[in-house]
Structure formats: structure tokens, C-alpha cells
Protein backbone atom coordinates (compact mmCIF):
# COMPACT_ATOMS: atom_id res chain seq x y z
CA MET A 1 8.24 15.60 10.21
CA LYS A 2 8.85 13.64 7.02
CA ILE A 3 6.80 10.89 5.38
CA ILE A 4 8.90 8.26 3.59
CA GLY A 5 7.42 5.75 1.16
CA ILE A 6 8.96 2.28 0.90
CA THR A 7 7.81 0.93 -2.44
CA GLY A 8 8.72 -1.21 -5.44
CA GLY A 9 7.12 -2.52 -8.57
CA LYS A 10 7.58 -6.20 -7.77
CA GLY A 11 6.17 -8.20 -4.88
CA GLY A 12 8.55 -10.07 -2.60
CA THR A 13 11.54 -7.75 -2.97
CA GLY A 14 11.71 -6.96 0.75
CA LYS A 15 9.74 -3.73 1.15
CA SER A 16 8.41 -4.79 4.53
CA THR A 17 11.83 -6.06 5.61
CA ILE A 18 13.37 -2.66 4.90
CA SER A 19 10.38 -0.74 6.28
CA THR A 20 10.45 -2.50 9.63
CA ALA A 21 14.23 -2.34 9.90
CA LEU A 22 14.25 1.39 9.14
CA ALA A 23 11.43 2.12 11.59
CA VAL A 24 13.13 0.21 14.40
CA GLU A 25 16.52 1.82 13.73
CA LEU A 26 15.03 5.32 13.82
CA ALA A 27 13.15 4.47 17.02
CA ARG A 28 16.36 3.15 18.56
CA LYS A 29 17.86 6.59 17.95
CA GLY A 30 15.11 8.21 19.96
CA LYS A 31 12.80 9.28 17.12
CA LYS A 32 9.02 9.07 17.30
CA ILE A 33 8.05 6.70 14.50
CA PHE A 34 4.73 5.84 12.86
CA LEU A 35 5.04 2.76 10.62
CA CYS A 36 2.06 2.49 8.26
CA ASP A 37 1.52 -0.82 6.47
CA MET A 38 -0.48 0.19 3.40
CA ASP A 39 -0.47 -3.20 1.72
CA ALA A 40 -4.16 -3.74 2.44
CA ASP A 41 -4.33 -7.01 0.49
CA CYS A 42 -1.48 -8.61 2.43
CA PRO A 43 -0.28 -6.63 5.49
CA ASN A 44 2.64 -8.27 7.28
CA ASP A 45 4.62 -5.61 9.18
CA HIS A 46 2.89 -6.68 12.41
CA LEU A 47 4.02 -10.27 11.79
CA LEU A 48 7.63 -9.26 11.16
CA LEU A 49 7.70 -7.23 14.39
CA GLY A 50 5.56 -9.57 16.47
CA ILE A 51 3.04 -6.80 17.21
CA GLU A 52 -0.45 -7.70 18.40
CA ARG A 53 -2.88 -5.46 16.54
CA LYS A 54 -6.16 -4.04 17.80
CA GLN A 55 -8.86 -2.78 15.46
CA GLU A 56 -9.02 1.00 15.35
CA CYS A 57 -12.00 1.33 13.01
CA ALA A 58 -13.91 -0.36 10.22
CA VAL A 59 -13.71 1.05 6.70
CA HIS A 60 -16.92 1.43 4.72
CA GLN A 61 -17.67 1.85 1.04
CA ARG A 62 -20.89 3.08 -0.50
CA ILE A 63 -22.93 0.57 -2.51
CA ALA A 64 -26.19 0.71 -4.40
CA LYS A 65 -29.57 0.07 -2.78
CA TRP A 66 -32.90 -0.49 -4.59
CA ASP A 67 -36.41 0.69 -3.85
CA PHE A 68 -38.27 -2.10 -5.63
CA ASP A 69 -41.59 -0.22 -5.34
CA LYS A 70 -40.12 2.30 -7.81
CA CYS A 71 -38.14 -0.17 -9.95
CA ASP A 72 -39.83 -1.16 -13.23
CA ASN A 73 -37.25 -3.90 -14.08
CA CYS A 74 -35.98 -2.01 -17.13
CA GLY A 75 -32.47 -3.46 -16.78
CA LYS A 76 -30.60 -0.23 -17.55
CA CYS A 77 -28.67 -0.45 -14.28
CA ALA A 78 -27.16 -3.80 -15.26
CA LYS A 79 -26.12 -2.51 -18.68
CA VAL A 80 -23.93 0.26 -17.18
CA CYS A 81 -22.42 -1.82 -14.35
CA ARG A 82 -18.87 -2.53 -15.47
CA ASN A 83 -18.19 -4.75 -12.45
CA ASN A 84 -21.11 -7.07 -13.30
CA ALA A 85 -22.53 -6.54 -9.82
CA ILE A 86 -26.08 -6.29 -11.21
CA VAL A 87 -27.86 -9.04 -13.12
CA CYS A 88 -31.22 -8.38 -14.74
CA VAL A 89 -33.50 -11.00 -16.24
CA GLU A 90 -36.35 -9.54 -18.28
CA GLY A 91 -39.46 -9.00 -16.22
CA THR A 92 -37.80 -9.66 -12.83
CA PRO A 93 -36.18 -7.34 -10.28
CA PRO A 94 -32.40 -6.79 -10.49
CA ILE A 95 -30.15 -9.22 -8.66
CA PHE A 96 -27.44 -7.30 -6.81
CA MET A 97 -24.09 -8.82 -5.76
CA ALA A 98 -22.74 -6.42 -3.14
CA LYS A 99 -19.25 -7.95 -3.11
CA GLN A 100 -18.81 -6.96 -6.76
CA CYS A 101 -19.92 -3.35 -6.30
CA ASN A 102 -17.21 -0.67 -6.27
CA GLY A 103 -19.57 2.23 -5.60
CA CYS A 104 -18.97 3.98 -8.94
CA GLY A 105 -22.54 5.32 -9.09
CA ALA A 106 -23.26 4.58 -12.75
CA CYS A 107 -26.43 2.69 -11.88
CA VAL A 108 -27.72 5.54 -9.70
CA ILE A 109 -27.21 8.02 -12.54
CA GLU A 110 -28.72 5.74 -15.21
CA CYS A 111 -31.89 4.71 -13.34
CA PRO A 112 -34.85 6.53 -14.97
CA ARG A 113 -37.14 6.08 -11.94
CA ASP A 114 -34.76 7.15 -9.12
CA ALA A 115 -35.15 3.67 -7.67
CA ILE A 116 -31.48 3.37 -6.67
CA SER A 117 -29.90 5.18 -3.71
CA TRP A 118 -26.95 4.51 -1.41
CA ASP A 119 -26.19 2.01 1.30
CA LYS A 120 -22.77 0.98 2.66
CA LYS A 121 -20.75 -2.13 3.37
CA VAL A 122 -17.63 -2.90 5.40
CA VAL A 123 -14.68 -3.38 3.03
CA GLY A 124 -11.80 -3.44 5.50
CA ALA A 125 -10.37 -2.25 8.77
CA ILE A 126 -7.57 -0.18 10.24
CA TYR A 127 -5.54 -1.72 13.06
CA LYS A 128 -2.98 -0.23 15.43
CA GLY A 129 -0.30 -1.64 17.71
CA THR A 130 3.10 -0.88 19.23
CA GLY A 131 6.41 -2.74 19.33
CA PHE A 132 10.15 -2.02 19.33
CA GLY A 133 9.29 1.59 20.22
CA VAL A 134 7.35 1.95 16.95
CA ASP A 135 3.66 2.84 16.58
CA LEU A 136 2.11 0.70 13.86
CA LEU A 137 -0.90 1.33 11.64
CA SER A 138 -2.03 -1.60 9.53
CA CYS A 139 -4.59 -1.65 6.70
CA GLU A 140 -6.51 -4.80 5.89
CA LEU A 141 -9.00 -5.43 3.11
CA GLU A 142 -11.92 -7.79 3.62
CA ILE A 143 -11.66 -11.09 1.73
CA ASN A 144 -13.05 -10.88 -1.83
CA GLU A 145 -13.39 -7.10 -1.78
CA PRO A 146 -11.99 -5.57 -4.98
CA VAL A 147 -11.05 -1.98 -4.05
CA SER A 148 -8.13 -1.75 -1.63
CA GLU A 149 -7.50 1.96 -2.24
CA ILE A 150 -10.58 2.79 -0.15
CA VAL A 151 -8.85 1.30 2.91
CA VAL A 152 -5.58 3.03 2.00
CA ALA A 153 -7.39 6.36 1.63
CA LYS A 154 -8.80 5.96 5.16
CA ALA A 155 -5.28 5.28 6.46
CA CYS A 156 -4.06 8.45 4.72
CA GLU A 157 -6.74 10.42 6.60
CA ILE A 158 -5.42 9.02 9.88
CA ILE A 159 -1.84 9.87 8.91
CA ALA A 160 -2.88 13.45 8.11
CA ALA A 161 -4.59 13.77 11.50
CA ASP A 162 -1.72 12.23 13.52
CA LYS A 163 1.39 13.30 11.62
CA GLU A 164 2.43 16.11 13.97
CA LYS A 165 2.91 13.55 16.76
CA TYR A 166 5.87 11.93 14.97
CA ASP A 167 9.36 12.72 13.72
CA TYR A 168 9.06 10.28 10.81
CA ILE A 169 6.27 8.32 9.19
CA ILE A 170 7.26 5.22 7.20
CA VAL A 171 4.71 4.17 4.58
CA ASP A 172 5.10 0.56 3.42
CA THR A 173 3.16 0.33 0.15
CA ALA A 174 1.80 -2.63 -1.75
CA ALA A 175 3.68 -3.87 -4.80
CA GLY A 176 2.93 -2.54 -8.27
CA THR A 177 1.78 0.82 -9.59
CA HIS A 178 -1.98 0.53 -9.10
CA CYS A 179 -4.34 3.02 -7.46
CA ASP A 180 -3.66 1.78 -3.91
CA VAL A 181 0.08 2.36 -4.36
CA ILE A 182 -0.49 5.81 -5.88
CA ALA A 183 -2.82 6.71 -2.99
CA ALA A 184 -0.21 5.66 -0.42
CA LEU A 185 2.64 7.47 -2.18
CA GLY A 186 0.52 10.60 -2.49
CA ALA A 187 1.05 11.23 1.22
CA CYS A 188 4.87 10.90 1.00
CA ASP A 189 7.69 13.43 0.75
CA ALA A 190 10.25 10.98 -0.66
CA ALA A 191 10.56 7.28 -1.42
CA LEU A 192 12.88 4.29 -1.43
CA CYS A 193 12.44 1.80 -4.27
CA ILE A 194 13.26 -1.71 -3.11
CA THR A 195 14.23 -4.13 -5.86
CA GLU A 196 16.08 -7.37 -6.43
CA PRO A 197 18.79 -8.07 -9.04
CA THR A 198 16.68 -10.24 -11.33
CA PRO A 199 15.06 -9.63 -14.75
CA LEU A 200 11.59 -9.46 -13.15
CA GLY A 201 12.87 -7.15 -10.45
CA ALA A 202 14.46 -4.83 -12.99
CA HIS A 203 11.36 -4.80 -15.20
CA ASP A 204 9.03 -3.82 -12.36
CA LEU A 205 11.60 -1.38 -10.94
CA GLU A 206 11.34 0.62 -14.15
CA LEU A 207 7.58 0.88 -13.73
CA ILE A 208 7.84 2.31 -10.22
CA CYS A 209 10.68 4.65 -11.23
CA LYS A 210 8.51 5.97 -14.06
CA LEU A 211 5.60 6.49 -11.64
CA LEU A 212 7.70 8.34 -9.07
CA SER A 213 9.21 10.52 -11.76
CA ARG A 214 5.75 11.49 -12.98
CA MET A 215 4.82 12.28 -9.37
CA ASN A 216 7.94 14.51 -9.15
CA MET A 217 9.02 12.63 -6.03
CA ASP A 218 12.61 12.33 -4.84
CA PHE A 219 13.65 8.68 -4.52
CA GLU A 220 16.59 6.35 -4.09
CA VAL A 221 17.03 2.71 -5.13
CA VAL A 222 17.93 -0.10 -2.73
CA VAL A 223 18.89 -3.57 -3.98
CA ASN A 224 17.88 -6.37 -1.62
CA ARG A 225 19.29 -9.92 -1.64
CA TYR A 226 22.38 -8.58 -3.37
CA GLU A 227 25.47 -10.61 -4.31
CA ALA A 228 28.69 -9.27 -5.80
CA GLY A 229 28.59 -8.64 -9.53
CA GLN A 230 24.83 -8.06 -9.77
CA ASP A 231 24.86 -4.28 -10.30
CA GLU A 232 24.39 -4.15 -14.06
CA ILE A 233 20.82 -5.40 -14.36
CA VAL A 234 19.58 -2.71 -11.95
CA ALA A 235 22.00 0.05 -12.97
CA ARG A 236 20.89 -0.22 -16.61
CA VAL A 237 17.31 0.61 -15.61
CA ILE A 238 17.90 3.40 -13.11
CA SER A 239 20.49 5.21 -15.21
CA LYS A 240 17.55 6.39 -17.35
CA TYR A 241 16.40 8.33 -14.28
CA SER A 242 19.88 9.67 -13.41
CA LYS A 243 20.05 7.32 -10.42
CA THR A 244 22.68 4.96 -9.08
CA ILE A 245 22.25 2.16 -6.55
CA PHE A 246 21.99 3.87 -3.18
CA ALA A 247 22.32 0.84 -0.88
CA ARG A 248 22.76 -2.92 -1.13
CA VAL A 249 21.30 -5.36 1.40
CA PRO A 250 23.21 -8.64 1.03
CA TYR A 251 21.84 -12.11 0.37
CA SER A 252 22.72 -13.29 3.88
CA LYS A 253 21.85 -16.37 5.90
CA LYS A 254 21.93 -14.31 9.11
CA ILE A 255 19.41 -11.83 7.69
CA MET A 256 17.15 -14.71 6.64
CA ILE A 257 17.34 -16.28 10.12
CA ASP A 258 16.64 -12.95 11.82
CA TYR A 259 13.73 -12.31 9.43
CA SER A 260 12.23 -15.73 10.22
CA SER A 261 12.66 -15.08 13.95
CA GLY A 262 10.96 -11.67 13.94
CA ILE A 263 14.22 -9.78 14.50
CA PRO A 264 14.53 -6.52 12.49
CA VAL A 265 17.42 -6.51 10.04
CA LYS A 266 20.64 -4.86 11.22
CA HIS A 267 23.25 -4.05 8.59
CA LYS A 268 25.38 -1.10 7.49
CA SER A 269 23.00 -0.65 4.54
CA ILE A 270 20.14 0.01 6.99
CA GLU A 271 22.34 2.53 8.78
CA LYS A 272 23.00 4.26 5.46
CA ILE A 273 19.28 4.37 4.65
CA THR A 274 18.56 5.73 8.13
CA ALA A 275 21.12 8.50 7.64
CA TRP A 276 19.51 9.41 4.31
CA VAL A 277 16.08 9.68 5.95
CA GLU A 278 17.47 11.81 8.77
CA GLY A 279 19.11 14.08 6.21
CA LEU A 280 15.89 14.89 4.37
CA ILE A 281 14.86 18.51 4.78
């Protein structure tokens, strides 16, 4: 069993397009596949595959709770809250905005009267579904919640518990190099970096290459929406990491129509990526 991360520094490069295409191609070859959409802020693998999701579980986060019989309105809790979830006006009890709280615990530690303890709130959910012979796990963060890595961490627990059921697990990460991406990649054995041949794509590709290198993770680079003559802008970045372009997915009207119709991409580049995944040992 291998866990493959599909990632990339920039949003909109086609991570989900490649993830779903790879998962479906491996399933077509008789493999047991678990596709995990770890983009908790904007999950869309279920939309691309037309899968109806059902909630598996809610995801909770700890938050502060006050015992106002003990609280003396000193205001120290508000002073250490870096998320501005606590507002104190002199002589009145603290005002707590649960949506802002990230559960760091600074207020609990700082309170001189032990007036603050722990409660919890729902910050997201894990969904599951099946389609094209692929089992799907999908993370989703509640609207206006700030900490998506809590939902991703719960998904990683599920992956760890279920991984022996599958031949391959495909982890579709969010864009960027933030904590949620690092948490998702932490479960992976290798990764594919999906980029596009633009200045923004190349800039953000370097960020994700640097992250994967620091994580000592094997990775390859795939250029999506490729047209002839566009190698240089990507090659210049990845040469610093002793990499060349592994596969090129063309800028194709057929691929765009299939994508819009919920049909997984089929192309020789996807076959090449599939062979690479199957060759991982």
C-alpha cells in the first residue's frame, strides 16, 4: 500500500483533475483505491466524479469556557488571545467569540483564578462516498472557521485506520504550503507537484518543491494546461531540485469538455503517472 500526495503551491493548477483521473485509472486496472480530498476549505473531488457524499462524522475543536462565578474580570485572558476571540471591557465579564477561537489554550494558562476550562465546537465534517470504483473521503470546514488542519488531522486518523484495505491512497491537498497542506503530506510516501506554465505557477511551484525537499519526500512535477514551447519557465525552477518535467497534460478542448461533464481525464500523461505510482516500492 502506498499513499500518494497530489499537491502544488498554486490554486487552480488542476490538482483535483489529476487526482480524480489517477484514482479512476488505477481503479480501472483493478486496484482498490481510496481518494482523500484534503482541501477542507474547498473540496471538489466529489463534484468532479459526481459522487453523492454522506457524512461520516463531525469534527470538533476545543474552545474556552468560562466559570463567571470565579472570574474577577481582570482581562488577562483577552491580552494573551492572539486571535482576538476575547474582548474585555473594564469591570465587565469577558465577551467570547467562539468562531474566532483556535483552541490554543493561552487564556486557560493565563487565568489567575482557574475560571477558564474547555468546551468544544463543531468545526467541520468528514464525508464518504463511492463512484467509478473509487472510495472517496472528503474533508469540509465549517463556514468562517479558521483552522482547517484540525479537519485534515481527523482525516489522517481515518486514513491510518483504513489504509490496509487499499492498494493505493491518493491524497488531494489544498493549495499552498500552510499547516493543512503539511498535515496532509505528512501521511504520504511520495508526491506529484501539479503546476501550470505561468510566472505565478512557477513561483508557487518553487515553494512546494522547497517544502517537499525539507520533508525528504520523493516527488515528480506535472505541468497541466501545457502547450508546446512552455518548458523553460517550469524547468528553470525544478532544475534547482535536480528534477525535470515528468509529465505534461495538454491545454485541450476535449479535456475541458470532459472536465465540465464530470468525465475523468484520459490521456497518455495520466497513463504515465499511473505507471509511476504502480512502480513505487
